[in-house]
Amino acid sequence: MAKLVVFGGTGYAGGRIGAEAVRRGHEVVGVARNPGSAPEGVDEREGSLHDEEFVAGLAKDADVFVVATPARAIDGKKLIDAVPSLARIARENGVRLSFVGGAASLLVAEGGPRLFDTPEFPDEYKDEAGSHAEVLGLLREQPEDLDWFYVSPAAEFGAWTPGERRGEFRLGGDVLVTDENGKSHIGGDDFAIAYVDEIEQPKHRRARFTVAY
């Protein structure tokens, strides 16, 4: 059994990852700025990943940090601002660091542009998408002794399209995964299954992978 600390534990992705981990018998601490809606079985805490003392305290008996928060600026702080301290604390305590990323930094084809570099990508999502891409870039620059992974969901992923639990999906690397109709999508529960699978049986050390049907 592992102990997970999920930052963004009441959000769409973080809540489902926490619930899936609890279902499998893991211990889960869910961190949120405004607690009150964590899944059953999750030990909910109020706090911020930008609070280094708070994060360091959680790291002392944690196995995995799951960062499932928006990447854009919130209250003047972006996710990337917390990455150096998260990485340092994780290294010092032997914690595996993981992130729920975005799909927009995936390539649309081998050697092709990133999704958010295509003309069709909506301007209103570029701030969040670009901020997630910056986080991935900074992770790749971290010292070799930091164990991390970063999961990009399919292009269609979120509370607006939760889908039904199938228990099956496909994994990819840095290229967007689509189905036979050209659609890239994944339900919340199946994304969480893939995420917790990686925690239980690591196959993507210091790497990004993607999940889609």
Protein backbone atom coordinates (compact mmCIF):
# COMPACT_ATOMS: atom_id res chain seq x y z
CA MET A 1 0.00 0.00 0.00
CA ALA A 2 1.28 3.45 -0.91
CA LYS A 3 0.51 6.83 0.60
CA LEU A 4 -0.52 9.46 -1.94
CA VAL A 5 -0.78 13.18 -1.40
CA VAL A 6 -3.10 14.65 -4.03
CA PHE A 7 -2.86 18.41 -4.53
CA GLY A 8 -6.16 19.46 -6.08
CA GLY A 9 -7.82 16.54 -4.35
CA THR A 10 -11.36 17.91 -4.77
CA GLY A 11 -11.00 18.67 -8.49
CA TYR A 12 -12.15 16.59 -11.44
CA ALA A 13 -8.90 14.69 -12.04
CA GLY A 14 -7.53 14.77 -8.51
CA GLY A 15 -10.79 13.58 -7.00
CA ARG A 16 -11.00 10.61 -9.33
CA ILE A 17 -7.36 9.65 -8.81
CA GLY A 18 -7.87 9.81 -5.06
CA ALA A 19 -11.05 7.73 -5.23
CA GLU A 20 -9.39 5.11 -7.44
CA ALA A 21 -6.41 4.88 -5.10
CA VAL A 22 -8.67 4.46 -2.06
CA ARG A 23 -10.63 1.78 -3.90
CA ARG A 24 -7.39 -0.15 -4.32
CA GLY A 25 -6.47 0.13 -0.66
CA HIS A 26 -3.98 3.00 -0.75
CA GLU A 27 -3.86 5.80 1.80
CA VAL A 28 -4.76 9.19 0.31
CA VAL A 29 -4.40 12.71 1.62
CA GLY A 30 -6.33 15.21 -0.47
CA VAL A 31 -5.15 18.82 -0.37
CA ALA A 32 -7.42 21.67 -1.43
CA ARG A 33 -7.59 25.42 -0.92
CA ASN A 34 -11.30 25.08 -0.17
CA PRO A 35 -11.86 21.61 1.30
CA GLY A 36 -15.19 19.96 1.83
CA SER A 37 -15.82 17.73 -1.15
CA ALA A 38 -13.09 15.11 -1.21
CA PRO A 39 -14.07 11.54 -2.13
CA GLU A 40 -15.01 9.12 0.64
CA GLY A 41 -11.98 7.64 2.34
CA VAL A 42 -9.67 10.56 1.51
CA ASP A 43 -8.04 12.42 4.42
CA GLU A 44 -8.78 16.00 3.44
CA ARG A 45 -6.42 18.86 4.31
CA GLU A 46 -6.63 22.57 3.64
CA GLY A 47 -3.44 23.95 2.17
CA SER A 48 -1.43 25.02 -0.84
CA LEU A 49 1.42 23.48 -2.81
CA HIS A 50 3.03 26.93 -2.71
CA ASP A 51 3.45 26.61 1.09
CA GLU A 52 6.86 24.91 1.34
CA GLU A 53 6.61 24.16 5.07
CA PHE A 54 3.20 22.54 4.59
CA VAL A 55 4.41 20.47 1.63
CA ALA A 56 7.56 19.37 3.46
CA GLY A 57 5.45 18.13 6.35
CA LEU A 58 3.31 16.04 4.05
CA ALA A 59 6.38 14.59 2.33
CA LYS A 60 7.77 12.98 5.46
CA ASP A 61 5.62 9.86 5.19
CA ALA A 62 4.40 10.10 1.58
CA ASP A 63 5.31 7.84 -1.31
CA VAL A 64 3.82 9.84 -4.19
CA PHE A 65 2.82 13.44 -4.78
CA VAL A 66 0.01 13.86 -7.31
CA VAL A 67 -0.30 17.42 -8.59
CA ALA A 68 -3.71 17.90 -10.18
CA THR A 69 -4.13 21.67 -10.09
CA PRO A 70 -4.54 24.29 -12.83
CA ALA A 71 -1.27 25.53 -14.27
CA ARG A 72 -2.34 29.11 -14.99
CA ALA A 73 -1.93 31.89 -12.44
CA ILE A 74 -4.25 31.73 -9.43
CA ASP A 75 -3.93 34.49 -6.83
CA GLY A 76 -0.81 35.62 -8.64
CA LYS A 77 0.98 32.25 -8.53
CA LYS A 78 1.40 29.75 -11.34
CA LEU A 79 1.98 26.03 -10.93
CA ILE A 80 5.47 26.32 -12.39
CA ASP A 81 6.42 28.64 -9.51
CA ALA A 82 6.02 25.71 -7.11
CA VAL A 83 7.89 23.14 -9.19
CA PRO A 84 11.42 23.91 -7.86
CA SER A 85 10.37 23.50 -4.23
CA LEU A 86 8.20 20.46 -5.00
CA ALA A 87 11.13 18.84 -6.79
CA ARG A 88 13.56 19.61 -3.99
CA ILE A 89 11.23 18.34 -1.26
CA ALA A 90 10.44 15.21 -3.28
CA ARG A 91 14.15 14.48 -3.79
CA GLU A 92 14.97 15.03 -0.14
CA ASN A 93 12.24 12.66 1.01
CA GLY A 94 12.31 10.01 -1.71
CA VAL A 95 8.83 10.93 -2.94
CA ARG A 96 7.79 10.22 -6.52
CA LEU A 97 6.49 13.43 -8.07
CA SER A 98 3.66 13.27 -10.61
CA PHE A 99 1.50 15.72 -12.53
CA VAL A 100 -1.84 15.73 -14.28
CA GLY A 101 -0.85 17.73 -17.33
CA GLY A 102 -2.57 18.98 -20.43
CA ALA A 103 -3.16 17.48 -23.86
CA ALA A 104 -2.21 20.60 -25.79
CA SER A 105 1.54 20.03 -25.54
CA LEU A 106 1.18 16.68 -27.32
CA LEU A 107 2.27 16.46 -30.93
CA VAL A 108 -0.58 16.00 -33.40
CA ALA A 109 1.63 13.53 -35.32
CA GLU A 110 5.21 12.28 -35.23
CA GLY A 111 7.40 15.26 -35.99
CA GLY A 112 4.33 17.46 -36.20
CA PRO A 113 3.38 20.57 -34.29
CA ARG A 114 2.04 20.57 -30.77
CA LEU A 115 -1.72 20.70 -30.52
CA PHE A 116 -1.71 24.25 -29.16
CA ASP A 117 0.53 25.41 -32.00
CA THR A 118 -2.10 24.51 -34.60
CA PRO A 119 -4.30 27.27 -36.05
CA GLU A 120 -7.46 25.61 -34.75
CA PHE A 121 -6.46 25.71 -31.09
CA PRO A 122 -8.76 28.14 -29.19
CA ASP A 123 -7.06 31.30 -27.93
CA GLU A 124 -8.92 31.17 -24.62
CA TYR A 125 -7.15 27.94 -23.64
CA LYS A 126 -3.64 28.95 -24.63
CA ASP A 127 -2.65 30.39 -21.24
CA GLU A 128 -3.48 27.18 -19.37
CA ALA A 129 -2.03 24.99 -22.12
CA GLY A 130 1.20 26.94 -22.33
CA SER A 131 1.58 26.95 -18.56
CA HIS A 132 1.26 23.15 -18.44
CA ALA A 133 3.86 22.83 -21.19
CA GLU A 134 6.25 24.98 -19.17
CA VAL A 135 5.87 22.63 -16.20
CA LEU A 136 6.76 19.63 -18.34
CA GLY A 137 9.77 21.44 -19.73
CA LEU A 138 11.04 22.29 -16.27
CA LEU A 139 10.54 18.72 -15.06
CA ARG A 140 12.73 17.46 -17.87
CA GLU A 141 15.52 19.73 -16.62
CA GLN A 142 15.49 18.35 -13.07
CA PRO A 143 18.39 16.27 -11.68
CA GLU A 144 18.43 12.58 -12.53
CA ASP A 145 17.69 11.56 -8.94
CA LEU A 146 14.19 13.06 -9.08
CA ASP A 147 11.67 10.36 -9.93
CA TRP A 148 8.72 11.93 -11.76
CA PHE A 149 6.02 11.26 -14.32
CA TYR A 150 3.57 13.50 -16.15
CA VAL A 151 0.27 12.33 -17.64
CA SER A 152 -1.43 14.16 -20.49
CA PRO A 153 -5.08 13.21 -20.93
CA ALA A 154 -6.74 12.96 -24.32
CA ALA A 155 -7.87 16.17 -26.01
CA GLU A 156 -11.43 15.72 -24.70
CA PHE A 157 -11.19 15.33 -20.94
CA GLY A 158 -13.04 17.07 -18.13
CA ALA A 159 -16.18 17.39 -16.08
CA TRP A 160 -18.12 18.36 -19.22
CA THR A 161 -17.48 14.90 -20.74
CA PRO A 162 -17.00 12.45 -17.85
CA GLY A 163 -17.98 9.33 -19.79
CA GLU A 164 -18.58 5.93 -18.25
CA ARG A 165 -16.00 3.68 -16.66
CA ARG A 166 -14.79 1.17 -19.27
CA GLY A 167 -11.65 -0.20 -17.67
CA GLU A 168 -9.85 -0.10 -20.99
CA PHE A 169 -7.81 2.56 -22.80
CA ARG A 170 -4.61 3.05 -24.77
CA LEU A 171 -1.35 4.65 -23.69
CA GLY A 172 0.93 6.78 -25.83
CA GLY A 173 4.01 8.92 -25.49
CA ASP A 174 4.34 12.47 -26.82
CA VAL A 175 1.87 12.08 -29.70
CA LEU A 176 -1.89 12.63 -29.36
CA VAL A 177 -3.80 9.33 -29.36
CA THR A 178 -7.00 9.26 -31.44
CA ASP A 179 -9.56 6.60 -32.27
CA GLU A 180 -10.60 5.32 -35.70
CA ASN A 181 -12.78 8.41 -36.16
CA GLY A 182 -9.99 10.83 -35.32
CA LYS A 183 -11.44 11.60 -31.89
CA SER A 184 -9.18 11.92 -28.84
CA HIS A 185 -11.08 11.42 -25.60
CA ILE A 186 -10.91 9.74 -22.20
CA GLY A 187 -13.32 9.49 -19.26
CA GLY A 188 -12.32 10.61 -15.80
CA ASP A 189 -12.49 7.19 -14.16
CA ASP A 190 -10.42 5.50 -16.86
CA PHE A 191 -7.82 8.28 -16.74
CA ALA A 192 -7.59 7.65 -12.98
CA ILE A 193 -7.16 3.91 -13.53
CA ALA A 194 -4.20 4.55 -15.84
CA TYR A 195 -2.71 7.03 -13.38
CA VAL A 196 -2.90 4.70 -10.38
CA ASP A 197 -1.62 1.81 -12.53
CA GLU A 198 1.55 3.86 -13.07
CA ILE A 199 1.87 4.43 -9.33
CA GLU A 200 1.53 0.72 -8.60
CA GLN A 201 3.67 -0.52 -11.49
CA PRO A 202 6.00 2.24 -12.70
CA LYS A 203 6.71 2.10 -16.43
CA HIS A 204 7.25 5.79 -17.21
CA ARG A 205 10.04 7.04 -14.97
CA ARG A 206 11.03 10.62 -15.73
CA ALA A 207 8.66 10.64 -18.68
CA ARG A 208 5.38 11.95 -20.00
CA PHE A 209 2.70 9.61 -21.32
CA THR A 210 -0.84 10.07 -22.53
CA VAL A 211 -4.11 8.16 -22.05
CA ALA A 212 -6.99 7.89 -24.51
CA TYR A 213 -9.55 5.43 -25.85
